Amino acid sequence: MNQINLFQLDSAESSLNKALLIYETENDVSGQVDCQNALGLTAYYKQNLIVAEKYYRKAIELAERNNFQKRLTESFNNLGLVFYSRHLYDSALQYFHTTLLLKKKLNQTKSIASTLSNIGSVTGRMGLHEEALRYHKESLVWDVKNNNEKGKARNYTNISNEFDKLEQYDSAVIYLKKALAIFKEMDNKVEAARVQYNLGHNYFKNLNLPELAIKYYRSSIENFKEVDFYNEMHQVYLSLAEVYLVLDLNDKAGLYLDSAMFIDSQVNSVESRYRYHLIRSNYLQAKGEYSNALIEYKQFVNMRDSMNFHQQQARIQELEMSYENERKEKERQLIHKSEKIDDLSHQLYWSVIISILLLLLISVIYYLFRMKKERNLRATQQELHHSQQHLMQEKYKNLQLEKEKLDKDLESRKQELVNQALILIEKNNLFEELRTDFKKLTRKVDHPLLKTELDKLIQDYMYKINVQGRNNLEEQATPYLTDFYHKLEQQVCGLTESEKRLASLLRSELTSKEVAIMLGIEPKSVDMRRYRLRKKLGISSEDSLTEFFKSL
């Protein structure tokens, strides 16, 4: 079923129809798809393209319904070939692209190249030669990967054709020679002869090198003779006659025309035959036989017009059949869509009813859930509020207790510092009395050096008691006086450190003498500083500085 004998198409079609009946009876869908594809191929070879399309569409319908993806690729590709043969290039391109996507999806790497080549051929026919070139080159890459020599050679030929259309004739010749080398190595005489014919055509028509054209045309004839391909041989003989006419070698041209005439009975190409009459007309005109030339030319015109007429009639008939098939297909699709719409409407009706019921159920559940959640939230908030109140009360009590404790500690520490200051003052007074008595004793000493040493010793002890004692006391008192100093600065700005220290000593209810001892100055200096501080603070002489400082 994969290969159909072209000379027994009718017999093959009959056998396939019988097989199709058996597969339908046995409900073998896979066999039915294969039969439909094979019948389509038979119709395609018989040039019954509309019938071929019908078989392929049936194969596609069955394959899609049963998800036979691999068979779908064959059906889509063959349908593309049918549309290509009918010159319906947009449709052909659509089916080839669908085939390509499906092959890539199924990872059919061995056959991707052929589909790319088909796409390139269609785009080339549509005049998109740059795009066609891209597809043929991509196809070539796949054939190289798959080590497909025949595919490579055919891609070289296709690439050459596109370069020819782009008028890049040198590139066209290069790729034809690559294709020829592969076909010769494969000993494929038919394909080699066709490539040689194309090389001769390029050298003659495009590159104006008739000698090279003759060489390749003759090689082409030799290969065609071995396989008895008379249609192609006829074309080559006519091309050689054209070349010799251009070279004014009319006798040789006549010989090749005679050779073409000799095999005319075995040629079934109308185009080749009317071309023969055109070239023979040119040949007779070159020999001066104008009346015979005119007869040949009229034959050429009649055959050409007749062929064009038949082609046009066939085209019209094909288009009419295509229109009828398309109309029926659209009617079928319309009925199918109508049935689908009815099904969808029915489904939509029940979907809407179910959706409404579900929505109501969800709404009730949501309402109940929300009510429960709000009750729980209120209860949680109340519990949290009570907890926070209790926690705040406990925290407040703890803070009060801590504050009372800190206040007691602070007062205790302040009193301790005052006591230390008073002790320092008492020490100072005692040491003053001791120094006075000691001086009386030193007056009775006659030794000058000893007297000097005793005076120095007294001064050192005085320094240690007064300066070091005061520094230690100030260092301990500073952390407890920071708040007092801050409040004092709020009353008046710009107080000096010595003024702040004086204020803190007066706040401790020390006398001017005691303050003088603490500051290491004379009592008169203390009175002077008290006066300046009172004036800076704006306190009258009737008001007590000590009480003012204690109030801060």
Protein backbone atom coordinates (compact mmCIF):
# COMPACT_ATOMS: atom_id res chain seq x y z
CA MET A 1 0.00 0.00 0.00
CA ASN A 2 2.97 2.35 0.47
CA GLN A 3 4.11 2.08 -3.14
CA ILE A 4 1.58 2.14 -5.96
CA ASN A 5 2.52 0.93 -9.46
CA LEU A 6 1.92 3.90 -11.76
CA PHE A 7 1.10 1.58 -14.67
CA GLN A 8 -1.64 -0.25 -12.81
CA LEU A 9 -3.45 2.63 -11.09
CA ASP A 10 -6.96 1.47 -11.94
CA SER A 11 -6.28 -2.02 -10.62
CA ALA A 12 -4.72 -0.58 -7.48
CA GLU A 13 -7.74 1.69 -6.92
CA SER A 14 -10.13 -1.27 -7.22
CA SER A 15 -8.12 -3.33 -4.73
CA LEU A 16 -7.94 -0.44 -2.28
CA ASN A 17 -11.70 0.11 -2.39
CA LYS A 18 -12.26 -3.58 -1.61
CA ALA A 19 -9.79 -3.36 1.28
CA LEU A 20 -11.56 -0.23 2.56
CA LEU A 21 -14.91 -2.08 2.66
CA ILE A 22 -13.34 -4.88 4.70
CA TYR A 23 -11.75 -2.42 7.15
CA GLU A 24 -15.08 -0.58 7.54
CA THR A 25 -16.91 -3.89 8.18
CA GLU A 26 -14.35 -4.86 10.82
CA ASN A 27 -14.35 -1.31 12.22
CA ASP A 28 -10.57 -1.15 11.77
CA VAL A 29 -10.04 2.63 11.83
CA SER A 30 -6.27 2.37 11.38
CA GLY A 31 -6.74 0.36 8.17
CA GLN A 32 -9.37 2.80 6.95
CA VAL A 33 -6.97 5.74 7.36
CA ASP A 34 -4.26 3.89 5.42
CA CYS A 35 -6.71 3.03 2.61
CA GLN A 36 -7.98 6.61 2.35
CA ASN A 37 -4.39 7.89 2.12
CA ALA A 38 -3.51 5.28 -0.52
CA LEU A 39 -6.65 6.06 -2.57
CA GLY A 40 -5.75 9.74 -2.36
CA LEU A 41 -2.27 8.94 -3.68
CA THR A 42 -3.77 6.91 -6.55
CA ALA A 43 -6.06 9.80 -7.50
CA TYR A 44 -3.10 12.20 -7.22
CA TYR A 45 -1.02 10.17 -9.69
CA LYS A 46 -4.04 10.00 -12.03
CA GLN A 47 -4.24 13.83 -11.74
CA ASN A 48 -7.74 13.58 -10.19
CA LEU A 49 -6.76 16.22 -7.66
CA ILE A 50 -10.26 17.00 -6.37
CA VAL A 51 -10.88 13.30 -5.71
CA ALA A 52 -7.46 13.04 -4.05
CA GLU A 53 -8.38 15.95 -1.76
CA LYS A 54 -11.61 14.17 -0.76
CA TYR A 55 -9.75 11.00 0.23
CA TYR A 56 -7.10 12.91 2.21
CA ARG A 57 -9.70 14.95 4.09
CA LYS A 58 -11.52 11.75 5.06
CA ALA A 59 -8.21 10.26 6.25
CA ILE A 60 -7.54 13.41 8.32
CA GLU A 61 -11.02 13.30 9.86
CA LEU A 62 -10.58 9.67 10.94
CA ALA A 63 -7.02 10.22 12.19
CA GLU A 64 -7.97 13.30 14.24
CA ARG A 65 -11.01 11.57 15.74
CA ASN A 66 -8.86 8.62 16.86
CA ASN A 67 -5.70 10.61 17.66
CA PHE A 68 -3.53 8.84 15.03
CA GLN A 69 -0.88 11.56 15.04
CA LYS A 70 1.73 9.77 12.91
CA ARG A 71 -0.83 9.09 10.15
CA LEU A 72 -1.95 12.72 10.36
CA THR A 73 1.47 13.91 9.22
CA GLU A 74 1.20 11.81 6.04
CA SER A 75 -2.34 13.06 5.30
CA PHE A 76 -1.52 16.74 5.90
CA ASN A 77 1.62 16.50 3.76
CA ASN A 78 -0.22 14.79 0.88
CA LEU A 79 -3.04 17.34 1.03
CA GLY A 80 -0.41 20.06 0.78
CA LEU A 81 0.95 18.39 -2.36
CA VAL A 82 -2.56 18.33 -3.88
CA PHE A 83 -3.03 22.07 -3.30
CA TYR A 84 0.48 22.72 -4.63
CA SER A 85 -0.38 20.85 -7.85
CA ARG A 86 -3.58 22.91 -8.13
CA HIS A 87 -1.55 26.13 -7.73
CA LEU A 88 -3.40 26.98 -4.50
CA TYR A 89 -0.21 27.95 -2.76
CA ASP A 90 -1.64 29.58 0.38
CA SER A 91 -3.56 26.42 1.26
CA ALA A 92 -0.56 24.24 0.38
CA LEU A 93 1.67 26.34 2.64
CA GLN A 94 -0.83 26.05 5.50
CA TYR A 95 -0.89 22.24 5.32
CA PHE A 96 2.90 21.94 4.96
CA HIS A 97 3.42 24.14 8.04
CA THR A 98 0.92 22.02 9.98
CA THR A 99 2.84 18.92 8.88
CA LEU A 100 6.15 20.46 10.00
CA LEU A 101 4.83 21.34 13.48
CA LEU A 102 3.41 17.85 13.92
CA LYS A 103 6.64 16.17 12.80
CA LYS A 104 8.68 18.26 15.23
CA LYS A 105 6.23 17.42 18.01
CA LEU A 106 6.49 13.69 17.23
CA ASN A 107 10.28 14.00 16.74
CA GLN A 108 10.10 12.57 13.19
CA THR A 109 13.55 13.90 12.37
CA LYS A 110 14.06 11.69 9.33
CA SER A 111 11.25 13.35 7.37
CA ILE A 112 11.44 16.98 8.57
CA ALA A 113 13.80 17.81 5.68
CA SER A 114 11.25 16.82 3.00
CA THR A 115 8.55 19.03 4.55
CA LEU A 116 10.93 21.99 4.78
CA SER A 117 11.79 21.40 1.13
CA ASN A 118 8.08 21.41 0.24
CA ILE A 119 7.60 24.72 2.07
CA GLY A 120 10.59 26.14 0.18
CA SER A 121 9.09 25.04 -3.17
CA VAL A 122 5.73 26.68 -2.37
CA THR A 123 7.26 29.97 -1.21
CA GLY A 124 9.42 29.96 -4.34
CA ARG A 125 6.31 29.61 -6.51
CA MET A 126 4.79 32.53 -4.58
CA GLY A 127 7.78 34.67 -5.61
CA LEU A 128 9.32 34.72 -2.11
CA HIS A 129 12.70 33.47 -3.29
CA GLU A 130 14.79 34.66 -0.31
CA GLU A 131 12.41 32.90 2.07
CA ALA A 132 12.36 29.81 -0.15
CA LEU A 133 16.18 29.78 -0.10
CA ARG A 134 16.13 29.85 3.71
CA TYR A 135 13.78 26.84 3.90
CA HIS A 136 15.80 24.80 1.37
CA LYS A 137 19.01 25.51 3.31
CA GLU A 138 17.34 24.47 6.57
CA SER A 139 16.18 21.29 4.82
CA LEU A 140 19.76 20.69 3.67
CA VAL A 141 20.98 20.92 7.29
CA TRP A 142 18.54 18.17 8.31
CA ASP A 143 19.57 15.96 5.37
CA VAL A 144 23.23 16.38 6.34
CA LYS A 145 22.36 15.38 9.95
CA ASN A 146 20.47 12.32 8.68
CA ASN A 147 23.20 11.46 6.14
CA ASN A 148 20.57 11.51 3.35
CA GLU A 149 22.63 11.85 0.16
CA LYS A 150 19.65 11.90 -2.20
CA GLY A 151 17.95 14.55 -0.06
CA LYS A 152 21.14 16.63 -0.06
CA ALA A 153 21.37 16.46 -3.87
CA ARG A 154 17.72 17.48 -4.32
CA ASN A 155 18.19 20.38 -1.90
CA TYR A 156 21.23 21.52 -3.88
CA THR A 157 19.02 21.49 -7.00
CA ASN A 158 16.25 23.45 -5.24
CA ILE A 159 18.74 26.00 -3.88
CA SER A 160 20.14 26.38 -7.41
CA ASN A 161 16.62 27.08 -8.76
CA GLU A 162 16.08 29.86 -6.20
CA PHE A 163 19.48 31.44 -6.99
CA ASP A 164 18.44 31.27 -10.65
CA LYS A 165 15.24 33.21 -9.84
CA LEU A 166 17.31 35.74 -7.88
CA GLU A 167 19.58 36.08 -10.96
CA GLN A 168 22.59 34.84 -8.99
CA TYR A 169 23.59 32.50 -11.81
CA ASP A 170 27.12 31.68 -10.64
CA SER A 171 25.76 30.45 -7.30
CA ALA A 172 23.07 28.48 -9.16
CA VAL A 173 25.75 26.67 -11.20
CA ILE A 174 27.85 25.89 -8.08
CA TYR A 175 24.93 24.14 -6.36
CA LEU A 176 23.95 22.25 -9.52
CA LYS A 177 27.48 20.87 -9.74
CA LYS A 178 27.28 19.75 -6.09
CA ALA A 179 24.01 17.94 -6.86
CA LEU A 180 25.52 16.37 -10.01
CA ALA A 181 28.50 15.00 -8.06
CA ILE A 182 26.18 13.23 -5.57
CA PHE A 183 23.89 11.77 -8.28
CA LYS A 184 26.91 10.47 -10.22
CA GLU A 185 28.28 8.84 -7.09
CA MET A 186 24.88 7.22 -6.51
CA ASP A 187 24.76 6.17 -10.20
CA ASN A 188 21.35 7.82 -10.50
CA LYS A 189 21.35 8.49 -14.25
CA VAL A 190 17.89 10.08 -14.43
CA GLU A 191 18.58 12.73 -11.78
CA ALA A 192 22.13 13.26 -13.10
CA ALA A 193 20.72 13.83 -16.62
CA ARG A 194 18.18 16.36 -15.30
CA VAL A 195 20.88 18.29 -13.42
CA GLN A 196 23.10 18.27 -16.54
CA TYR A 197 20.18 19.63 -18.55
CA ASN A 198 19.72 22.45 -15.98
CA LEU A 199 23.46 23.22 -16.15
CA GLY A 200 23.28 23.44 -19.93
CA HIS A 201 20.25 25.74 -19.63
CA ASN A 202 22.11 28.05 -17.17
CA TYR A 203 25.25 28.22 -19.31
CA PHE A 204 23.20 28.96 -22.45
CA LYS A 205 20.37 31.22 -21.27
CA ASN A 206 21.96 33.00 -18.32
CA LEU A 207 25.76 32.96 -18.64
CA ASN A 208 25.98 33.06 -22.45
CA LEU A 209 28.47 30.19 -22.61
CA PRO A 210 27.07 28.02 -25.44
CA GLU A 211 30.11 25.69 -25.66
CA LEU A 212 29.66 24.63 -22.00
CA ALA A 213 25.92 24.36 -22.56
CA ILE A 214 26.51 21.92 -25.46
CA LYS A 215 28.82 19.83 -23.27
CA TYR A 216 26.22 19.37 -20.49
CA TYR A 217 23.31 18.91 -22.95
CA ARG A 218 25.18 16.05 -24.66
CA SER A 219 26.00 14.41 -21.31
CA SER A 220 22.33 14.70 -20.40
CA ILE A 221 21.26 12.93 -23.61
CA GLU A 222 23.67 10.06 -22.97
CA ASN A 223 22.14 9.43 -19.54
CA PHE A 224 18.53 9.76 -20.76
CA LYS A 225 19.20 7.29 -23.58
CA GLU A 226 20.28 4.64 -21.07
CA VAL A 227 16.93 4.83 -19.22
CA ASP A 228 14.67 5.58 -22.24
CA PHE A 229 13.27 8.85 -20.88
CA TYR A 230 11.96 10.15 -24.21
CA ASN A 231 10.15 13.27 -22.96
CA GLU A 232 13.36 14.61 -21.40
CA MET A 233 15.47 13.50 -24.39
CA HIS A 234 13.10 15.40 -26.69
CA GLN A 235 13.58 18.59 -24.62
CA VAL A 236 17.39 18.24 -24.69
CA TYR A 237 17.46 17.71 -28.47
CA LEU A 238 15.42 20.90 -28.91
CA SER A 239 17.74 22.84 -26.56
CA LEU A 240 20.80 21.67 -28.50
CA ALA A 241 19.12 22.79 -31.73
CA GLU A 242 18.54 26.24 -30.15
CA VAL A 243 22.21 26.55 -29.17
CA TYR A 244 23.46 25.65 -32.66
CA LEU A 245 21.02 28.11 -34.24
CA VAL A 246 22.50 30.86 -32.07
CA LEU A 247 25.99 29.77 -33.18
CA ASP A 248 24.79 29.86 -36.84
CA LEU A 249 25.55 26.14 -37.16
CA ASN A 250 22.25 25.44 -38.90
CA ASP A 251 23.17 21.97 -40.20
CA LYS A 252 23.91 20.70 -36.69
CA ALA A 253 20.72 22.34 -35.46
CA GLY A 254 18.84 20.46 -38.21
CA LEU A 255 20.37 17.15 -37.11
CA TYR A 256 19.13 17.59 -33.55
CA LEU A 257 15.68 18.65 -34.79
CA ASP A 258 15.58 15.45 -36.83
CA SER A 259 16.56 13.46 -33.74
CA ALA A 260 13.69 15.11 -31.84
CA MET A 261 11.32 14.31 -34.71
CA PHE A 262 12.48 10.69 -34.69
CA ILE A 263 11.27 10.09 -31.10
CA ASP A 264 8.21 12.35 -31.42
CA SER A 265 5.81 9.39 -31.45
CA GLN A 266 7.06 8.35 -27.98
CA VAL A 267 6.67 11.83 -26.48
CA ASN A 268 3.45 12.61 -24.57
CA SER A 269 4.38 16.19 -23.62
CA VAL A 270 2.28 18.69 -25.62
CA GLU A 271 4.50 21.52 -24.44
CA SER A 272 7.58 19.77 -25.83
CA ARG A 273 5.84 19.22 -29.19
CA TYR A 274 4.72 22.80 -29.74
CA ARG A 275 8.21 23.95 -28.71
CA TYR A 276 9.55 21.71 -31.49
CA HIS A 277 7.44 23.60 -34.07
CA LEU A 278 8.69 26.98 -32.77
CA ILE A 279 12.39 25.98 -33.01
CA ARG A 280 11.86 24.33 -36.40
CA SER A 281 10.23 27.56 -37.61
CA ASN A 282 13.35 29.48 -36.51
CA TYR A 283 15.55 26.88 -38.22
CA LEU A 284 13.65 27.13 -41.56
CA GLN A 285 13.73 30.92 -41.33
CA ALA A 286 17.52 30.79 -40.87
CA LYS A 287 17.74 28.63 -44.03
CA GLY A 288 15.54 31.06 -45.98
CA GLU A 289 12.53 28.72 -46.27
CA TYR A 290 10.07 31.36 -45.11
CA SER A 291 6.84 29.68 -46.28
CA ASN A 292 7.69 26.46 -44.45
CA ALA A 293 8.79 28.54 -41.48
CA LEU A 294 5.39 30.23 -41.45
CA ILE A 295 3.59 26.86 -41.58
CA GLU A 296 5.63 25.59 -38.62
CA TYR A 297 4.98 28.79 -36.68
CA LYS A 298 1.22 28.51 -37.28
CA GLN A 299 1.32 24.95 -35.99
CA PHE A 300 3.18 26.20 -32.92
CA VAL A 301 0.53 28.90 -32.30
CA ASN A 302 -2.37 26.50 -32.81
CA MET A 303 -0.91 23.89 -30.45
CA ARG A 304 -0.02 26.52 -27.86
CA ASP A 305 -3.49 28.10 -27.99
CA SER A 306 -5.15 24.70 -27.90
CA MET A 307 -3.09 23.68 -24.91
CA ASN A 308 -3.81 26.97 -23.15
CA PHE A 309 -7.51 26.55 -23.88
CA HIS A 310 -7.55 23.02 -22.49
CA GLN A 311 -5.54 24.16 -19.48
CA GLN A 312 -7.97 27.01 -18.90
CA GLN A 313 -10.95 24.67 -19.24
CA ALA A 314 -9.37 22.21 -16.85
CA ARG A 315 -8.60 25.05 -14.47
CA ILE A 316 -12.19 26.32 -14.64
CA GLN A 317 -13.53 22.83 -14.05
CA GLU A 318 -11.13 22.36 -11.16
CA LEU A 319 -12.13 25.68 -9.60
CA GLU A 320 -15.82 24.82 -9.98
CA MET A 321 -15.26 21.48 -8.25
CA SER A 322 -13.18 23.20 -5.57
CA TYR A 323 -15.98 25.71 -5.00
CA GLU A 324 -18.57 22.94 -4.75
CA ASN A 325 -16.42 20.96 -2.33
CA GLU A 326 -15.73 24.06 -0.28
CA ARG A 327 -19.47 24.87 -0.19
CA LYS A 328 -20.31 21.36 0.99
CA GLU A 329 -17.50 21.47 3.53
CA LYS A 330 -18.75 24.79 4.89
CA GLU A 331 -22.30 23.43 5.08
CA ARG A 332 -21.00 20.40 6.97
CA GLN A 333 -18.98 22.65 9.29
CA LEU A 334 -22.02 24.91 9.79
CA ILE A 335 -24.20 21.92 10.77
CA HIS A 336 -21.43 20.66 13.05
CA LYS A 337 -21.09 24.11 14.64
CA SER A 338 -24.87 24.38 15.06
CA GLU A 339 -24.95 21.03 16.84
CA LYS A 340 -22.02 22.13 18.95
CA ILE A 341 -23.79 25.39 19.83
CA ASP A 342 -26.90 23.44 20.90
CA ASP A 343 -24.78 21.20 23.09
CA LEU A 344 -22.98 24.18 24.53
CA SER A 345 -26.28 25.99 25.19
CA HIS A 346 -27.60 22.97 27.07
CA GLN A 347 -24.36 22.70 29.01
CA LEU A 348 -24.39 26.44 29.69
CA TYR A 349 -27.98 26.30 31.03
CA TRP A 350 -27.13 23.61 33.57
CA SER A 351 -23.80 25.27 34.32
CA VAL A 352 -25.62 28.53 35.18
CA ILE A 353 -28.15 26.68 37.42
CA ILE A 354 -25.39 24.79 39.22
CA SER A 355 -23.28 27.97 39.51
CA ILE A 356 -26.21 29.86 41.09
CA LEU A 357 -26.85 27.05 43.59
CA LEU A 358 -23.16 26.84 44.41
CA LEU A 359 -23.02 30.62 44.82
CA LEU A 360 -25.98 30.56 47.23
CA LEU A 361 -24.43 27.72 49.20
CA ILE A 362 -21.08 29.50 49.33
CA SER A 363 -22.84 32.74 50.42
CA VAL A 364 -24.64 30.98 53.29
CA ILE A 365 -21.47 29.20 54.38
CA TYR A 366 -19.53 32.46 54.17
CA TYR A 367 -22.20 34.34 56.17
CA LEU A 368 -22.21 31.70 58.93
CA PHE A 369 -18.44 31.55 58.95
CA ARG A 370 -18.22 35.35 59.11
CA MET A 371 -20.69 35.57 62.01
CA LYS A 372 -18.78 32.93 63.93
CA LYS A 373 -15.51 34.65 63.15
CA GLU A 374 -16.87 38.03 64.36
CA ARG A 375 -18.12 36.47 67.61
CA ASN A 376 -14.77 34.84 68.17
CA LEU A 377 -13.03 38.09 67.30
CA ARG A 378 -15.12 40.11 69.77
CA ALA A 379 -14.52 37.56 72.51
CA THR A 380 -10.81 37.56 71.73
CA GLN A 381 -10.70 41.38 71.72
CA GLN A 382 -12.49 41.57 75.11
CA GLU A 383 -10.16 38.98 76.59
CA LEU A 384 -7.20 40.81 75.12
CA HIS A 385 -8.49 44.14 76.52
CA HIS A 386 -8.86 42.70 80.03
CA SER A 387 -5.45 41.10 79.77
CA GLN A 388 -3.90 44.37 78.60
CA GLN A 389 -5.55 46.32 81.44
CA HIS A 390 -4.35 43.84 84.04
CA LEU A 391 -0.90 43.84 82.47
CA MET A 392 -0.79 47.66 82.43
CA GLN A 393 -1.85 47.82 86.10
CA GLU A 394 0.81 45.33 87.08
CA LYS A 395 3.37 47.14 84.99
CA TYR A 396 2.36 50.49 86.58
CA LYS A 397 2.68 49.05 90.07
CA ASN A 398 6.09 47.63 89.25
CA LEU A 399 7.21 50.94 87.79
CA GLN A 400 5.97 52.83 90.89
CA LEU A 401 7.81 50.45 93.18
CA GLU A 402 10.91 50.68 91.06
CA LYS A 403 10.67 54.50 91.03
CA GLU A 404 10.26 54.65 94.80
CA LYS A 405 13.24 52.36 95.19
CA LEU A 406 15.32 54.45 92.78
CA ASP A 407 14.28 57.67 94.57
CA LYS A 408 15.28 56.18 97.90
CA ASP A 409 18.58 55.02 96.45
CA LEU A 410 19.14 58.45 94.93
CA GLU A 411 18.40 60.28 98.16
CA SER A 412 20.61 57.84 100.04
CA ARG A 413 23.41 58.36 97.56
CA LYS A 414 23.00 62.12 97.69
CA GLN A 415 23.10 62.08 101.48
CA GLU A 416 26.16 59.87 101.32
CA LEU A 417 27.84 62.38 99.01
CA VAL A 418 26.91 65.24 101.37
CA ASN A 419 28.33 63.28 104.27
CA GLN A 420 31.50 62.64 102.30
CA ALA A 421 31.71 66.38 101.60
CA LEU A 422 31.24 67.17 105.30
CA ILE A 423 33.87 64.62 106.24
CA LEU A 424 36.19 66.22 103.69
CA ILE A 425 35.51 69.60 105.25
CA GLU A 426 36.16 68.25 108.75
CA LYS A 427 39.38 66.69 107.54
CA ASN A 428 40.38 69.98 106.02
CA ASN A 429 39.60 71.88 109.23
CA LEU A 430 41.50 69.33 111.27
CA PHE A 431 44.43 69.49 108.94
CA GLU A 432 44.36 73.31 109.10
CA GLU A 433 44.63 73.11 112.87
CA LEU A 434 47.39 70.54 112.53
CA ARG A 435 49.22 72.75 110.03
CA THR A 436 48.97 75.72 112.37
CA ASP A 437 50.43 73.69 115.25
CA PHE A 438 53.05 72.23 112.97
CA LYS A 439 54.14 75.69 111.86
CA LYS A 440 54.59 76.71 115.46
CA LEU A 441 56.88 73.75 115.96
CA THR A 442 58.91 74.47 112.79
CA ARG A 443 59.66 77.96 114.06
CA LYS A 444 61.56 76.36 116.90
CA VAL A 445 63.68 74.28 114.49
CA ASP A 446 66.97 75.94 113.60
CA HIS A 447 67.84 73.60 110.71
CA PRO A 448 66.79 75.44 107.45
CA LEU A 449 66.76 72.34 105.19
CA LEU A 450 64.58 70.38 107.58
CA LYS A 451 62.23 73.35 107.88
CA THR A 452 61.89 73.48 104.06
CA GLU A 453 61.18 69.75 103.82
CA LEU A 454 58.53 69.98 106.53
CA ASP A 455 56.77 72.86 104.72
CA LYS A 456 56.80 70.87 101.43
CA LEU A 457 55.40 67.82 103.19
CA ILE A 458 52.54 69.87 104.63
CA GLN A 459 51.76 71.35 101.18
CA ASP A 460 51.66 67.88 99.59
CA TYR A 461 49.20 66.57 102.15
CA MET A 462 47.07 69.67 101.74
CA TYR A 463 46.94 69.03 97.96
CA LYS A 464 46.00 65.40 98.39
CA ILE A 465 43.20 66.24 100.84
CA ASN A 466 41.81 69.27 99.03
CA VAL A 467 42.34 68.56 95.29
CA GLN A 468 42.19 64.78 95.09
CA GLY A 469 39.33 64.59 97.60
CA ARG A 470 37.35 67.20 95.69
CA ASN A 471 37.98 65.45 92.35
CA ASN A 472 36.85 62.09 93.68
CA LEU A 473 33.76 63.67 95.22
CA GLU A 474 32.89 65.51 91.98
CA GLU A 475 33.42 62.36 89.90
CA GLN A 476 30.97 60.42 92.11
CA ALA A 477 28.43 63.26 92.30
CA THR A 478 28.30 64.10 88.54
CA PRO A 479 25.83 61.29 87.48
CA TYR A 480 23.36 62.44 90.18
CA LEU A 481 23.61 66.12 89.27
CA THR A 482 22.91 65.78 85.50
CA ASP A 483 19.14 66.24 85.95
CA PHE A 484 19.71 69.22 88.29
CA TYR A 485 22.10 70.86 85.81
CA HIS A 486 19.57 70.37 83.00
CA LYS A 487 16.76 72.05 85.01
CA LEU A 488 19.17 74.86 85.98
CA GLU A 489 20.03 75.52 82.31
CA GLN A 490 16.30 75.78 81.55
CA GLN A 491 16.11 78.67 84.04
CA VAL A 492 19.05 80.57 82.57
CA CYS A 493 21.40 79.87 79.67
CA GLY A 494 25.14 80.32 79.61
CA LEU A 495 26.05 79.16 83.14
CA THR A 496 29.68 78.12 83.50
CA GLU A 497 30.79 74.79 84.97
CA SER A 498 32.06 76.53 88.15
CA GLU A 499 28.66 78.28 88.55
CA LYS A 500 26.85 74.96 88.18
CA ARG A 501 29.18 73.38 90.75
CA LEU A 502 28.55 76.28 93.17
CA ALA A 503 24.79 75.87 92.75
CA SER A 504 24.99 72.14 93.53
CA LEU A 505 27.01 72.83 96.73
CA LEU A 506 24.59 75.54 97.89
CA ARG A 507 21.68 73.14 97.23
CA SER A 508 23.36 70.78 99.75
CA GLU A 509 23.02 73.59 102.43
CA LEU A 510 26.78 74.09 102.83
CA THR A 511 28.08 77.37 104.37
CA SER A 512 30.30 79.75 102.44
CA LYS A 513 33.31 78.48 104.34
CA GLU A 514 32.45 74.87 103.58
CA VAL A 515 31.87 75.74 99.95
CA ALA A 516 35.22 77.55 99.88
CA ILE A 517 36.92 74.44 101.19
CA MET A 518 35.17 72.29 98.59
CA LEU A 519 36.10 74.64 95.76
CA GLY A 520 39.58 75.37 97.09
CA ILE A 521 39.00 79.16 97.21
CA GLU A 522 38.61 81.86 99.83
CA PRO A 523 35.22 82.45 101.55
CA LYS A 524 35.14 85.98 100.18
CA SER A 525 35.41 84.59 96.66
CA VAL A 526 32.45 82.33 97.43
CA ASP A 527 30.37 85.33 98.54
CA MET A 528 31.32 87.20 95.33
CA ARG A 529 30.33 84.19 93.19
CA ARG A 530 27.03 83.84 95.11
CA TYR A 531 26.25 87.47 94.32
CA ARG A 532 26.99 87.09 90.58
CA LEU A 533 24.98 83.87 90.37
CA ARG A 534 21.98 85.49 92.16
CA LYS A 535 22.13 88.40 89.71
CA LYS A 536 22.38 86.08 86.67
CA LEU A 537 19.40 84.05 87.91
CA GLY A 538 17.41 87.20 88.72
CA ILE A 539 16.85 86.28 92.38
CA SER A 540 16.48 89.12 94.90
CA SER A 541 18.55 89.32 98.10
CA GLU A 542 15.41 88.60 100.21
CA ASP A 543 15.01 85.15 98.53
CA SER A 544 17.18 82.21 99.54
CA LEU A 545 19.45 80.79 96.87
CA THR A 546 19.57 77.48 98.71
CA GLU A 547 15.74 77.14 98.72
CA PHE A 548 15.59 78.10 95.03
CA PHE A 549 18.09 75.40 94.09
CA LYS A 550 16.35 72.83 96.27
CA SER A 551 13.07 73.56 94.47
CA LEU A 552 14.54 72.44 91.10
